[in-house]
PDB file of all heavy atoms in Angstrom:
ATOM      1  N   SER A   1      45.197 146.158  39.155  1.00  0.00           N
ATOM      2  CA  SER A   1      45.149 147.587  38.753  1.00  0.00           C
ATOM      3  C   SER A   1      43.811 147.800  38.090  1.00  0.00           C
ATOM      4  O   SER A   1      43.428 148.978  37.893  1.00  0.00           O
ATOM      5  CB  SER A   1      46.214 147.924  37.720  1.00  0.00           C
ATOM      6  OG  SER A   1      46.044 147.113  36.463  1.00  0.00           O
ATOM      7  N   LYS A   2      43.059 146.798  37.774  1.00  0.00           N
ATOM      8  CA  LYS A   2      41.698 146.989  37.179  1.00  0.00           C
ATOM      9  C   LYS A   2      40.641 147.276  38.240  1.00  0.00           C
ATOM     10  O   LYS A   2      39.480 147.605  37.904  1.00  0.00           O
ATOM     11  CB  LYS A   2      41.255 145.791  36.350  1.00  0.00           C
ATOM     12  CG  LYS A   2      42.229 145.568  35.155  1.00  0.00           C
ATOM     13  CD  LYS A   2      41.832 144.283  34.420  1.00  0.00           C
ATOM     14  CE  LYS A   2      42.775 144.013  33.164  1.00  0.00           C
ATOM     15  NZ  LYS A   2      42.824 145.052  32.281  1.00  0.00           N
ATOM     16  N   PHE A   3      40.918 147.103  39.497  1.00  0.00           N
ATOM     17  CA  PHE A   3      39.970 147.369  40.534  1.00  0.00           C
ATOM     18  C   PHE A   3      40.225 148.657  41.232  1.00  0.00           C
ATOM     19  O   PHE A   3      41.254 149.243  41.212  1.00  0.00           O
ATOM     20  CB  PHE A   3      40.126 146.134  41.639  1.00  0.00           C
ATOM     21  CG  PHE A   3      39.741 144.765  41.095  1.00  0.00           C
ATOM     22  CD1 PHE A   3      40.683 144.054  40.387  1.00  0.00           C
ATOM     23  CD2 PHE A   3      38.463 144.343  41.220  1.00  0.00           C
ATOM     24  CE1 PHE A   3      40.321 142.765  39.914  1.00  0.00           C
ATOM     25  CE2 PHE A   3      38.149 143.124  40.787  1.00  0.00           C
ATOM     26  CZ  PHE A   3      39.001 142.296  40.045  1.00  0.00           C
ATOM     27  N   LYS A   4      39.140 149.115  41.936  1.00  0.00           N
ATOM     28  CA  LYS A   4      39.213 150.379  42.657  1.00  0.00           C
ATOM     29  C   LYS A   4      40.198 150.166  43.845  1.00  0.00           C
ATOM     30  O   LYS A   4      41.034 150.977  44.154  1.00  0.00           O
ATOM     31  CB  LYS A   4      37.910 150.886  43.156  1.00  0.00           C
ATOM     32  CG  LYS A   4      37.030 151.347  41.998  1.00  0.00           C
ATOM     33  CD  LYS A   4      35.649 151.903  42.451  1.00  0.00           C
ATOM     34  CE  LYS A   4      34.855 152.486  41.315  1.00  0.00           C
ATOM     35  NZ  LYS A   4      33.553 153.012  41.740  1.00  0.00           N
ATOM     36  N   ALA A   5      39.965 149.147  44.608  1.00  0.00           N
ATOM     37  CA  ALA A   5      40.761 148.802  45.781  1.00  0.00           C
ATOM     38  C   ALA A   5      42.023 148.080  45.348  1.00  0.00           C
ATOM     39  O   ALA A   5      42.102 146.874  45.621  1.00  0.00           O
ATOM     40  CB  ALA A   5      39.902 148.142  46.837  1.00  0.00           C
ATOM     41  N   LYS A   6      42.878 148.744  44.640  1.00  0.00           N
ATOM     42  CA  LYS A   6      44.010 148.107  43.963  1.00  0.00           C
ATOM     43  C   LYS A   6      44.949 147.367  44.970  1.00  0.00           C
ATOM     44  O   LYS A   6      45.312 146.220  44.815  1.00  0.00           O
ATOM     45  CB  LYS A   6      44.852 149.079  43.224  1.00  0.00           C
ATOM     46  CG  LYS A   6      43.982 149.802  42.125  1.00  0.00           C
ATOM     47  CD  LYS A   6      44.861 150.881  41.419  1.00  0.00           C
ATOM     48  CE  LYS A   6      44.060 151.589  40.338  1.00  0.00           C
ATOM     49  NZ  LYS A   6      42.843 152.223  40.795  1.00  0.00           N
ATOM     50  N   ARG A   7      45.246 148.016  46.098  1.00  0.00           N
ATOM     51  CA  ARG A   7      46.177 147.414  46.986  1.00  0.00           C
ATOM     52  C   ARG A   7      45.568 146.207  47.704  1.00  0.00           C
ATOM     53  O   ARG A   7      46.286 145.243  47.914  1.00  0.00           O
ATOM     54  CB  ARG A   7      46.553 148.478  48.090  1.00  0.00           C
ATOM     55  CG  ARG A   7      47.301 149.683  47.581  1.00  0.00           C
ATOM     56  CD  ARG A   7      48.703 149.344  47.287  1.00  0.00           C
ATOM     57  NE  ARG A   7      49.458 150.533  46.858  1.00  0.00           N
ATOM     58  CZ  ARG A   7      50.741 150.458  46.620  1.00  0.00           C
ATOM     59  NH1 ARG A   7      51.478 149.417  46.534  1.00  0.00           N
ATOM     60  NH2 ARG A   7      51.412 151.603  46.230  1.00  0.00           N
ATOM     61  N   ILE A   8      44.313 146.343  48.068  1.00  0.00           N
ATOM     62  CA  ILE A   8      43.673 145.172  48.754  1.00  0.00           C
ATOM     63  C   ILE A   8      43.631 144.058  47.848  1.00  0.00           C
ATOM     64  O   ILE A   8      43.962 142.844  48.217  1.00  0.00           O
ATOM     65  CB  ILE A   8      42.244 145.573  49.253  1.00  0.00           C
ATOM     66  CG1 ILE A   8      42.340 146.747  50.233  1.00  0.00           C
ATOM     67  CG2 ILE A   8      41.541 144.389  49.788  1.00  0.00           C
ATOM     68  CD1 ILE A   8      41.032 147.275  50.743  1.00  0.00           C
ATOM     69  N   VAL A   9      43.251 144.197  46.577  1.00  0.00           N
ATOM     70  CA  VAL A   9      43.145 143.093  45.524  1.00  0.00           C
ATOM     71  C   VAL A   9      44.449 142.521  45.357  1.00  0.00           C
ATOM     72  O   VAL A   9      44.712 141.331  45.295  1.00  0.00           O
ATOM     73  CB  VAL A   9      42.521 143.611  44.343  1.00  0.00           C
ATOM     74  CG1 VAL A   9      42.604 142.534  43.206  1.00  0.00           C
ATOM     75  CG2 VAL A   9      41.120 144.026  44.516  1.00  0.00           C
ATOM     76  N   GLN A  10      45.572 143.367  45.258  1.00  0.00           N
ATOM     77  CA  GLN A  10      46.938 142.920  45.027  1.00  0.00           C
ATOM     78  C   GLN A  10      47.413 142.000  46.110  1.00  0.00           C
ATOM     79  O   GLN A  10      48.000 141.019  45.988  1.00  0.00           O
ATOM     80  CB  GLN A  10      47.811 144.098  44.946  1.00  0.00           C
ATOM     81  CG  GLN A  10      49.300 143.773  44.647  1.00  0.00           C
ATOM     82  CD  GLN A  10      50.133 145.003  44.502  1.00  0.00           C
ATOM     83  OE1 GLN A  10      49.676 146.041  44.433  1.00  0.00           O
ATOM     84  NE2 GLN A  10      51.447 144.789  44.564  1.00  0.00           N
ATOM     85  N   THR A  11      47.098 142.484  47.412  1.00  0.00           N
ATOM     86  CA  THR A  11      47.446 141.698  48.580  1.00  0.00           C
ATOM     87  C   THR A  11      46.714 140.375  48.677  1.00  0.00           C
ATOM     88  O   THR A  11      47.377 139.344  49.014  1.00  0.00           O
ATOM     89  CB  THR A  11      47.194 142.503  49.842  1.00  0.00           C
ATOM     90  OG1 THR A  11      47.921 143.714  49.790  1.00  0.00           O
ATOM     91  CG2 THR A  11      47.655 141.725  51.052  1.00  0.00           C
ATOM     92  N   ILE A  12      45.456 140.347  48.342  1.00  0.00           N
ATOM     93  CA  ILE A  12      44.643 139.156  48.400  1.00  0.00           C
ATOM     94  C   ILE A  12      45.139 138.112  47.301  1.00  0.00           C
ATOM     95  O   ILE A  12      45.256 136.952  47.548  1.00  0.00           O
ATOM     96  CB  ILE A  12      43.121 139.412  48.145  1.00  0.00           C
ATOM     97  CG1 ILE A  12      42.590 140.254  49.392  1.00  0.00           C
ATOM     98  CG2 ILE A  12      42.325 138.254  47.924  1.00  0.00           C
ATOM     99  CD1 ILE A  12      41.225 140.695  49.180  1.00  0.00           C
ATOM    100  N   LEU A  13      45.379 138.688  46.124  1.00  0.00           N
ATOM    101  CA  LEU A  13      45.910 137.792  45.045  1.00  0.00           C
ATOM    102  C   LEU A  13      47.277 137.199  45.419  1.00  0.00           C
ATOM    103  O   LEU A  13      47.469 135.976  45.161  1.00  0.00           O
ATOM    104  CB  LEU A  13      46.004 138.549  43.703  1.00  0.00           C
ATOM    105  CG  LEU A  13      44.699 138.968  43.068  1.00  0.00           C
ATOM    106  CD1 LEU A  13      44.921 139.845  41.779  1.00  0.00           C
ATOM    107  CD2 LEU A  13      43.914 137.758  42.624  1.00  0.00           C
ATOM    108  N   THR A  14      48.140 137.976  46.006  1.00  0.00           N
ATOM    109  CA  THR A  14      49.447 137.504  46.358  1.00  0.00           C
ATOM    110  C   THR A  14      49.266 136.414  47.441  1.00  0.00           C
ATOM    111  O   THR A  14      50.043 135.467  47.375  1.00  0.00           O
ATOM    112  CB  THR A  14      50.339 138.596  46.779  1.00  0.00           C
ATOM    113  OG1 THR A  14      50.297 139.713  45.849  1.00  0.00           O
ATOM    114  CG2 THR A  14      51.740 138.158  47.067  1.00  0.00           C
ATOM    115  N   MET A  15      48.394 136.628  48.473  1.00  0.00           N
ATOM    116  CA  MET A  15      48.208 135.715  49.457  1.00  0.00           C
ATOM    117  C   MET A  15      47.677 134.345  48.906  1.00  0.00           C
ATOM    118  O   MET A  15      48.070 133.230  49.288  1.00  0.00           O
ATOM    119  CB  MET A  15      47.187 136.268  50.573  1.00  0.00           C
ATOM    120  CG  MET A  15      47.846 137.320  51.407  1.00  0.00           C
ATOM    121  SD  MET A  15      46.642 137.837  52.689  1.00  0.00           S
ATOM    122  CE  MET A  15      47.769 138.927  53.642  1.00  0.00           C
ATOM    123  N   ILE A  16      46.638 134.498  48.001  1.00  0.00           N
ATOM    124  CA  ILE A  16      46.060 133.237  47.356  1.00  0.00           C
ATOM    125  C   ILE A  16      47.225 132.520  46.682  1.00  0.00           C
ATOM    126  O   ILE A  16      47.260 131.231  46.751  1.00  0.00           O
ATOM    127  CB  ILE A  16      45.004 133.622  46.489  1.00  0.00           C
ATOM    128  CG1 ILE A  16      43.789 134.170  47.229  1.00  0.00           C
ATOM    129  CG2 ILE A  16      44.557 132.417  45.561  1.00  0.00           C
ATOM    130  CD1 ILE A  16      42.627 134.703  46.325  1.00  0.00           C
ATOM    131  N   LEU A  17      48.067 133.200  46.059  1.00  0.00           N
ATOM    132  CA  LEU A  17      49.210 132.587  45.219  1.00  0.00           C
ATOM    133  C   LEU A  17      50.040 131.869  46.182  1.00  0.00           C
ATOM    134  O   LEU A  17      50.512 130.713  45.907  1.00  0.00           O
ATOM    135  CB  LEU A  17      49.920 133.677  44.451  1.00  0.00           C
ATOM    136  CG  LEU A  17      50.938 133.087  43.443  1.00  0.00           C
ATOM    137  CD1 LEU A  17      50.178 132.423  42.349  1.00  0.00           C
ATOM    138  CD2 LEU A  17      51.596 134.391  42.810  1.00  0.00           C
ATOM    139  N   PHE A  18      50.418 132.496  47.367  1.00  0.00           N
ATOM    140  CA  PHE A  18      51.376 131.858  48.295  1.00  0.00           C
ATOM    141  C   PHE A  18      50.647 130.584  48.913  1.00  0.00           C
ATOM    142  O   PHE A  18      51.298 129.561  49.135  1.00  0.00           O
ATOM    143  CB  PHE A  18      51.745 132.786  49.360  1.00  0.00           C
ATOM    144  CG  PHE A  18      52.952 133.520  49.047  1.00  0.00           C
ATOM    145  CD1 PHE A  18      52.847 134.754  48.266  1.00  0.00           C
ATOM    146  CD2 PHE A  18      54.242 133.104  49.467  1.00  0.00           C
ATOM    147  CE1 PHE A  18      54.006 135.502  47.930  1.00  0.00           C
ATOM    148  CE2 PHE A  18      55.386 133.816  49.066  1.00  0.00           C
ATOM    149  CZ  PHE A  18      55.199 135.020  48.360  1.00  0.00           C
ATOM    150  N   LEU A  19      49.381 130.650  49.186  1.00  0.00           N
ATOM    151  CA  LEU A  19      48.694 129.463  49.699  1.00  0.00           C
ATOM    152  C   LEU A  19      48.593 128.344  48.757  1.00  0.00           C
ATOM    153  O   LEU A  19      48.761 127.225  49.043  1.00  0.00           O
ATOM    154  CB  LEU A  19      47.263 129.919  50.051  1.00  0.00           C
ATOM    155  CG  LEU A  19      47.058 130.813  51.274  1.00  0.00           C
ATOM    156  CD1 LEU A  19      45.611 131.223  51.483  1.00  0.00           C
ATOM    157  CD2 LEU A  19      47.566 130.105  52.543  1.00  0.00           C
ATOM    158  N   LEU A  20      48.542 128.672  47.425  1.00  0.00           N
ATOM    159  CA  LEU A  20      48.552 127.689  46.399  1.00  0.00           C
ATOM    160  C   LEU A  20      49.940 127.015  46.374  1.00  0.00           C
ATOM    161  O   LEU A  20      50.043 125.766  46.112  1.00  0.00           O
ATOM    162  CB  LEU A  20      48.193 128.261  45.049  1.00  0.00           C
ATOM    163  CG  LEU A  20      46.759 128.633  44.766  1.00  0.00           C
ATOM    164  CD1 LEU A  20      46.541 129.284  43.519  1.00  0.00           C
ATOM    165  CD2 LEU A  20      45.865 127.302  44.841  1.00  0.00           C
ATOM    166  N   ILE A  21      50.961 127.831  46.482  1.00  0.00           N
ATOM    167  CA  ILE A  21      52.363 127.267  46.422  1.00  0.00           C
ATOM    168  C   ILE A  21      52.468 126.295  47.552  1.00  0.00           C
ATOM    169  O   ILE A  21      53.141 125.230  47.477  1.00  0.00           O
ATOM    170  CB  ILE A  21      53.396 128.415  46.557  1.00  0.00           C
ATOM    171  CG1 ILE A  21      53.377 129.202  45.290  1.00  0.00           C
ATOM    172  CG2 ILE A  21      54.810 127.892  46.755  1.00  0.00           C
ATOM    173  CD1 ILE A  21      54.263 130.523  45.298  1.00  0.00           C
ATOM    174  N   PHE A  22      52.040 126.743  48.859  1.00  0.00           N
ATOM    175  CA  PHE A  22      52.181 125.853  49.973  1.00  0.00           C
ATOM    176  C   PHE A  22      51.392 124.586  49.779  1.00  0.00           C
ATOM    177  O   PHE A  22      51.815 123.389  50.103  1.00  0.00           O
ATOM    178  CB  PHE A  22      51.765 126.508  51.233  1.00  0.00           C
ATOM    179  CG  PHE A  22      52.777 127.496  51.770  1.00  0.00           C
ATOM    180  CD1 PHE A  22      52.569 128.820  51.837  1.00  0.00           C
ATOM    181  CD2 PHE A  22      53.982 126.953  52.303  1.00  0.00           C
ATOM    182  CE1 PHE A  22      53.516 129.730  52.376  1.00  0.00           C
ATOM    183  CE2 PHE A  22      54.928 127.804  52.824  1.00  0.00           C
ATOM    184  CZ  PHE A  22      54.726 129.224  52.879  1.00  0.00           C
ATOM    185  N   PHE A  23      50.117 124.674  49.213  1.00  0.00           N
ATOM    186  CA  PHE A  23      49.314 123.506  48.985  1.00  0.00           C
ATOM    187  C   PHE A  23      49.918 122.555  48.012  1.00  0.00           C
ATOM    188  O   PHE A  23      49.945 121.384  48.279  1.00  0.00           O
ATOM    189  CB  PHE A  23      47.931 123.982  48.476  1.00  0.00           C
ATOM    190  CG  PHE A  23      47.023 122.826  48.090  1.00  0.00           C
ATOM    191  CD1 PHE A  23      46.302 122.167  49.162  1.00  0.00           C
ATOM    192  CD2 PHE A  23      46.856 122.472  46.793  1.00  0.00           C
ATOM    193  CE1 PHE A  23      45.480 121.163  48.828  1.00  0.00           C
ATOM    194  CE2 PHE A  23      45.948 121.409  46.516  1.00  0.00           C
ATOM    195  CZ  PHE A  23      45.319 120.810  47.548  1.00  0.00           C
ATOM    196  N   VAL A  24      50.498 122.996  46.950  1.00  0.00           N
ATOM    197  CA  VAL A  24      51.117 122.258  45.972  1.00  0.00           C
ATOM    198  C   VAL A  24      52.406 121.578  46.539  1.00  0.00           C
ATOM    199  O   VAL A  24      52.595 120.316  46.344  1.00  0.00           O
ATOM    200  CB  VAL A  24      51.516 122.998  44.741  1.00  0.00           C
ATOM    201  CG1 VAL A  24      52.383 122.188  43.738  1.00  0.00           C
ATOM    202  CG2 VAL A  24      50.226 123.497  44.010  1.00  0.00           C
ATOM    203  N   SER A  25      53.168 122.269  47.392  1.00  0.00           N
ATOM    204  CA  SER A  25      54.324 121.726  47.971  1.00  0.00           C
ATOM    205  C   SER A  25      54.034 120.612  48.870  1.00  0.00           C
ATOM    206  O   SER A  25      54.882 119.571  49.024  1.00  0.00           O
ATOM    207  CB  SER A  25      55.138 122.890  48.669  1.00  0.00           C
ATOM    208  OG  SER A  25      54.423 123.249  49.778  1.00  0.00           O
ATOM    209  N   PHE A  26      52.912 120.575  49.533  1.00  0.00           N
ATOM    210  CA  PHE A  26      52.508 119.484  50.449  1.00  0.00           C
ATOM    211  C   PHE A  26      51.868 118.371  49.717  1.00  0.00           C
ATOM    212  O   PHE A  26      51.473 117.383  50.399  1.00  0.00           O
ATOM    213  CB  PHE A  26      51.644 120.096  51.546  1.00  0.00           C
ATOM    214  CG  PHE A  26      52.345 120.863  52.561  1.00  0.00           C
ATOM    215  CD1 PHE A  26      52.095 122.201  52.858  1.00  0.00           C
ATOM    216  CD2 PHE A  26      53.325 120.205  53.391  1.00  0.00           C
ATOM    217  CE1 PHE A  26      52.827 122.914  53.803  1.00  0.00           C
ATOM    218  CE2 PHE A  26      54.027 120.893  54.371  1.00  0.00           C
ATOM    219  CZ  PHE A  26      53.786 122.252  54.568  1.00  0.00           C
ATOM    220  N   ASN A  27      51.661 118.542  48.501  1.00  0.00           N
ATOM    221  CA  ASN A  27      50.851 117.422  47.792  1.00  0.00           C
ATOM    222  C   ASN A  27      51.574 116.967  46.580  1.00  0.00           C
ATOM    223  O   ASN A  27      51.003 116.534  45.551  1.00  0.00           O
ATOM    224  CB  ASN A  27      49.450 118.007  47.313  1.00  0.00           C
ATOM    225  CG  ASN A  27      48.504 118.143  48.538  1.00  0.00           C
ATOM    226  OD1 ASN A  27      47.879 117.233  48.985  1.00  0.00           O
ATOM    227  ND2 ASN A  27      48.500 119.373  49.078  1.00  0.00           N
ATOM    228  N   THR A  28      53.007 116.964  46.624  1.00  0.00           N
ATOM    229  CA  THR A  28      53.799 116.582  45.550  1.00  0.00           C
ATOM    230  C   THR A  28      54.525 115.324  45.827  1.00  0.00           C
ATOM    231  O   THR A  28      55.405 114.856  45.037  1.00  0.00           O
ATOM    232  CB  THR A  28      54.721 117.661  45.059  1.00  0.00           C
ATOM    233  OG1 THR A  28      55.516 117.991  46.270  1.00  0.00           O
ATOM    234  CG2 THR A  28      54.057 118.860  44.528  1.00  0.00           C
ATOM    235  N   ASN A  29      54.209 114.605  46.968  1.00  0.00           N
ATOM    236  CA  ASN A  29      54.991 113.411  47.316  1.00  0.00           C
ATOM    237  C   ASN A  29      54.861 112.360  46.351  1.00  0.00           C
ATOM    238  O   ASN A  29      55.798 111.639  45.974  1.00  0.00           O
ATOM    239  CB  ASN A  29      54.440 112.931  48.704  1.00  0.00           C
ATOM    240  CG  ASN A  29      54.791 113.860  49.862  1.00  0.00           C
ATOM    241  OD1 ASN A  29      55.745 114.626  49.701  1.00  0.00           O
ATOM    242  ND2 ASN A  29      54.021 113.824  50.888  1.00  0.00           N
ATOM    243  N   GLN A  30      53.628 112.135  45.797  1.00  0.00           N
ATOM    244  CA  GLN A  30      53.447 111.056  44.785  1.00  0.00           C
ATOM    245  C   GLN A  30      54.211 111.307  43.507  1.00  0.00           C
ATOM    246  O   GLN A  30      54.805 110.365  42.927  1.00  0.00           O
ATOM    247  CB  GLN A  30      51.888 110.921  44.433  1.00  0.00           C
ATOM    248  CG  GLN A  30      51.539 109.646  43.639  1.00  0.00           C
ATOM    249  CD  GLN A  30      51.895 108.368  44.357  1.00  0.00           C
ATOM    250  OE1 GLN A  30      51.746 108.224  45.536  1.00  0.00           O
ATOM    251  NE2 GLN A  30      52.390 107.442  43.617  1.00  0.00           N
ATOM    252  N   PHE A  31      54.195 112.608  43.096  1.00  0.00           N
ATOM    253  CA  PHE A  31      54.813 112.942  41.848  1.00  0.00           C
ATOM    254  C   PHE A  31      56.376 112.745  42.107  1.00  0.00           C
ATOM    255  O   PHE A  31      57.035 112.196  41.158  1.00  0.00           O
ATOM    256  CB  PHE A  31      54.584 114.465  41.565  1.00  0.00           C
ATOM    257  CG  PHE A  31      55.431 114.978  40.473  1.00  0.00           C
ATOM    258  CD1 PHE A  31      55.228 114.700  39.178  1.00  0.00           C
ATOM    259  CD2 PHE A  31      56.452 115.874  40.782  1.00  0.00           C
ATOM    260  CE1 PHE A  31      56.061 115.171  38.161  1.00  0.00           C
ATOM    261  CE2 PHE A  31      57.299 116.377  39.793  1.00  0.00           C
ATOM    262  CZ  PHE A  31      57.048 116.063  38.466  1.00  0.00           C
ATOM    263  N   ILE A  32      56.906 113.247  43.223  1.00  0.00           N
ATOM    264  CA  ILE A  32      58.324 112.964  43.430  1.00  0.00           C
ATOM    265  C   ILE A  32      58.786 111.504  43.508  1.00  0.00           C
ATOM    266  O   ILE A  32      59.799 111.079  43.039  1.00  0.00           O
ATOM    267  CB  ILE A  32      58.767 113.774  44.645  1.00  0.00           C
ATOM    268  CG1 ILE A  32      58.703 115.290  44.420  1.00  0.00           C
ATOM    269  CG2 ILE A  32      60.195 113.486  45.046  1.00  0.00           C
ATOM    270  CD1 ILE A  32      58.825 116.165  45.614  1.00  0.00           C
ATOM    271  N   THR A  33      57.876 110.705  44.146  1.00  0.00           N
ATOM    272  CA  THR A  33      58.119 109.339  44.309  1.00  0.00           C
ATOM    273  C   THR A  33      58.219 108.640  43.017  1.00  0.00           C
ATOM    274  O   THR A  33      59.126 107.829  42.679  1.00  0.00           O
ATOM    275  CB  THR A  33      56.971 108.693  45.169  1.00  0.00           C
ATOM    276  OG1 THR A  33      57.014 109.307  46.425  1.00  0.00           O
ATOM    277  CG2 THR A  33      57.289 107.203  45.399  1.00  0.00           C
ATOM    278  N   ASN A  34      57.277 108.920  42.076  1.00  0.00           N
ATOM    279  CA  ASN A  34      57.335 108.364  40.818  1.00  0.00           C
ATOM    280  C   ASN A  34      58.485 108.809  39.991  1.00  0.00           C
ATOM    281  O   ASN A  34      59.048 107.952  39.214  1.00  0.00           O
ATOM    282  CB  ASN A  34      55.990 108.769  39.948  1.00  0.00           C
ATOM    283  CG  ASN A  34      54.792 108.182  40.569  1.00  0.00           C
ATOM    284  OD1 ASN A  34      54.761 107.120  41.252  1.00  0.00           O
ATOM    285  ND2 ASN A  34      53.593 108.812  40.369  1.00  0.00           N
ATOM    286  N   LEU A  35      58.918 110.001  40.202  1.00  0.00           N
ATOM    287  CA  LEU A  35      60.069 110.576  39.513  1.00  0.00           C
ATOM    288  C   LEU A  35      61.287 109.855  39.907  1.00  0.00           C
ATOM    289  O   LEU A  35      62.128 109.398  39.081  1.00  0.00           O
ATOM    290  CB  LEU A  35      60.165 112.036  39.713  1.00  0.00           C
ATOM    291  CG  LEU A  35      61.073 112.849  38.722  1.00  0.00           C
ATOM    292  CD1 LEU A  35      60.693 112.769  37.327  1.00  0.00           C
ATOM    293  CD2 LEU A  35      61.154 114.277  39.166  1.00  0.00           C
ATOM    294  N   ILE A  36      61.449 109.612  41.196  1.00  0.00           N
ATOM    295  CA  ILE A  36      62.567 109.003  41.703  1.00  0.00           C
ATOM    296  C   ILE A  36      62.619 107.498  41.283  1.00  0.00           C
ATOM    297  O   ILE A  36      63.705 107.010  40.907  1.00  0.00           O
ATOM    298  CB  ILE A  36      62.627 109.036  43.212  1.00  0.00           C
ATOM    299  CG1 ILE A  36      62.844 110.465  43.751  1.00  0.00           C
ATOM    300  CG2 ILE A  36      63.697 108.134  43.893  1.00  0.00           C
ATOM    301  CD1 ILE A  36      62.661 110.677  45.221  1.00  0.00           C
ATOM    302  N   ASN A  37      61.515 106.896  41.288  1.00  0.00           N
ATOM    303  CA  ASN A  37      61.449 105.412  40.858  1.00  0.00           C
ATOM    304  C   ASN A  37      61.871 105.234  39.451  1.00  0.00           C
ATOM    305  O   ASN A  37      62.314 104.160  38.978  1.00  0.00           O
ATOM    306  CB  ASN A  37      60.061 104.797  41.131  1.00  0.00           C
ATOM    307  CG  ASN A  37      59.769 104.739  42.651  1.00  0.00           C
ATOM    308  OD1 ASN A  37      60.630 104.620  43.414  1.00  0.00           O
ATOM    309  ND2 ASN A  37      58.497 104.804  42.900  1.00  0.00           N
ATOM    310  N   ASN A  38      61.673 106.308  38.544  1.00  0.00           N
ATOM    311  CA  ASN A  38      61.947 106.195  37.195  1.00  0.00           C
ATOM    312  C   ASN A  38      63.188 106.895  36.758  1.00  0.00           C
ATOM    313  O   ASN A  38      63.468 107.098  35.540  1.00  0.00           O
ATOM    314  CB  ASN A  38      60.749 106.732  36.353  1.00  0.00           C
ATOM    315  CG  ASN A  38      59.487 105.864  36.550  1.00  0.00           C
ATOM    316  OD1 ASN A  38      59.376 104.748  36.030  1.00  0.00           O
ATOM    317  ND2 ASN A  38      58.563 106.354  37.223  1.00  0.00           N
ATOM    318  N   ALA A  39      63.966 107.330  37.722  1.00  0.00           N
ATOM    319  CA  ALA A  39      65.268 107.937  37.376  1.00  0.00           C
ATOM    320  C   ALA A  39      66.436 107.138  37.946  1.00  0.00           C
ATOM    321  O   ALA A  39      66.331 106.486  38.913  1.00  0.00           O
ATOM    322  CB  ALA A  39      65.250 109.376  38.030  1.00  0.00           C
ATOM    323  N   THR A  40      67.488 107.235  37.262  1.00  0.00           N
ATOM    324  CA  THR A  40      68.723 106.535  37.633  1.00  0.00           C
ATOM    325  C   THR A  40      69.628 107.327  38.553  1.00  0.00           C
ATOM    326  O   THR A  40      70.541 106.812  39.166  1.00  0.00           O
ATOM    327  CB  THR A  40      69.522 106.104  36.320  1.00  0.00           C
ATOM    328  OG1 THR A  40      69.893 107.326  35.670  1.00  0.00           O
ATOM    329  CG2 THR A  40      68.701 105.218  35.448  1.00  0.00           C
ATOM    330  N   SER A  41      69.399 108.616  38.645  1.00  0.00           N
ATOM    331  CA  SER A  41      70.303 109.430  39.556  1.00  0.00           C
ATOM    332  C   SER A  41      69.551 110.642  39.970  1.00  0.00           C
ATOM    333  O   SER A  41      68.591 111.096  39.370  1.00  0.00           O
ATOM    334  CB  SER A  41      71.530 109.820  38.850  1.00  0.00           C
ATOM    335  OG  SER A  41      71.298 110.662  37.745  1.00  0.00           O
ATOM    336  N   VAL A  42      70.097 111.290  41.031  1.00  0.00           N
ATOM    337  CA  VAL A  42      69.570 112.550  41.489  1.00  0.00           C
ATOM    338  C   VAL A  42      69.596 113.633  40.387  1.00  0.00           C
ATOM    339  O   VAL A  42      68.668 114.436  40.170  1.00  0.00           O
ATOM    340  CB  VAL A  42      70.252 113.080  42.732  1.00  0.00           C
ATOM    341  CG1 VAL A  42      69.799 114.476  43.177  1.00  0.00           C
ATOM    342  CG2 VAL A  42      69.893 112.047  43.878  1.00  0.00           C
ATOM    343  N   ASN A  43      70.720 113.553  39.683  1.00  0.00           N
ATOM    344  CA  ASN A  43      70.948 114.584  38.614  1.00  0.00           C
ATOM    345  C   ASN A  43      69.900 114.465  37.522  1.00  0.00           C
ATOM    346  O   ASN A  43      69.409 115.458  37.029  1.00  0.00           O
ATOM    347  CB  ASN A  43      72.348 114.424  38.035  1.00  0.00           C
ATOM    348  CG  ASN A  43      72.682 115.436  37.009  1.00  0.00           C
ATOM    349  OD1 ASN A  43      72.357 116.670  37.238  1.00  0.00           O
ATOM    350  ND2 ASN A  43      73.174 115.118  35.881  1.00  0.00           N
ATOM    351  N   GLU A  44      69.598 113.167  37.250  1.00  0.00           N
ATOM    352  CA  GLU A  44      68.522 112.981  36.153  1.00  0.00           C
ATOM    353  C   GLU A  44      67.168 113.517  36.683  1.00  0.00           C
ATOM    354  O   GLU A  44      66.410 114.028  35.874  1.00  0.00           O
ATOM    355  CB  GLU A  44      68.433 111.542  35.891  1.00  0.00           C
ATOM    356  CG  GLU A  44      67.452 111.167  34.737  1.00  0.00           C
ATOM    357  CD  GLU A  44      67.371 109.755  34.424  1.00  0.00           C
ATOM    358  OE1 GLU A  44      68.311 108.995  34.757  1.00  0.00           O
ATOM    359  OE2 GLU A  44      66.400 109.345  33.834  1.00  0.00           O
ATOM    360  N   ILE A  45      66.892 113.348  37.971  1.00  0.00           N
ATOM    361  CA  ILE A  45      65.691 113.889  38.503  1.00  0.00           C
ATOM    362  C   ILE A  45      65.572 115.362  38.393  1.00  0.00           C
ATOM    363  O   ILE A  45      64.579 115.885  37.940  1.00  0.00           O
ATOM    364  CB  ILE A  45      65.484 113.464  40.067  1.00  0.00           C
ATOM    365  CG1 ILE A  45      65.428 111.994  40.192  1.00  0.00           C
ATOM    366  CG2 ILE A  45      64.358 114.060  40.664  1.00  0.00           C
ATOM    367  CD1 ILE A  45      65.604 111.532  41.681  1.00  0.00           C
TER     368      ILE A  45
END
């Protein structure tokens, strides 16, 4: 809302946010592996 091209900026920011979500989701294998190794059950994870 602080920019003149409000809709364009809003769309770009949302797209960047979704790309970050996808990037994080594809790079969490190590985190999940460590979590599983240190947990006694799926519920604890």
